[in-house]
Amino acid sequence: MRTDNQIKRKLNELLISRQSIAARYTGLTETNPDNVEQAKALQSQLDRLDESISLLQWVLDEPTGTYHA
């Protein structure tokens, strides 16, 4: 099992990657809107990163207590 610090580091890494890809996506769609294939690839990467980020945030915000309270 990973420690909280390891999860936080990975989350920060993914957030930085997401910012970078989002900037590339925005730049691509503004400068070259005809490049649909590359835009789709970047959007796919953004979707995967969003899912990974959500999962890591869920792990960090794991509820405390018991399920059958």
Foldseek 3Di string as FASTA:
>chain_A
DDDLVVLVVVLVVLVVVLVVLVVVLVVCCVPPVPPVVVNVVSVVVNVVSVVVNVVSVCVNPPDDDDPVD
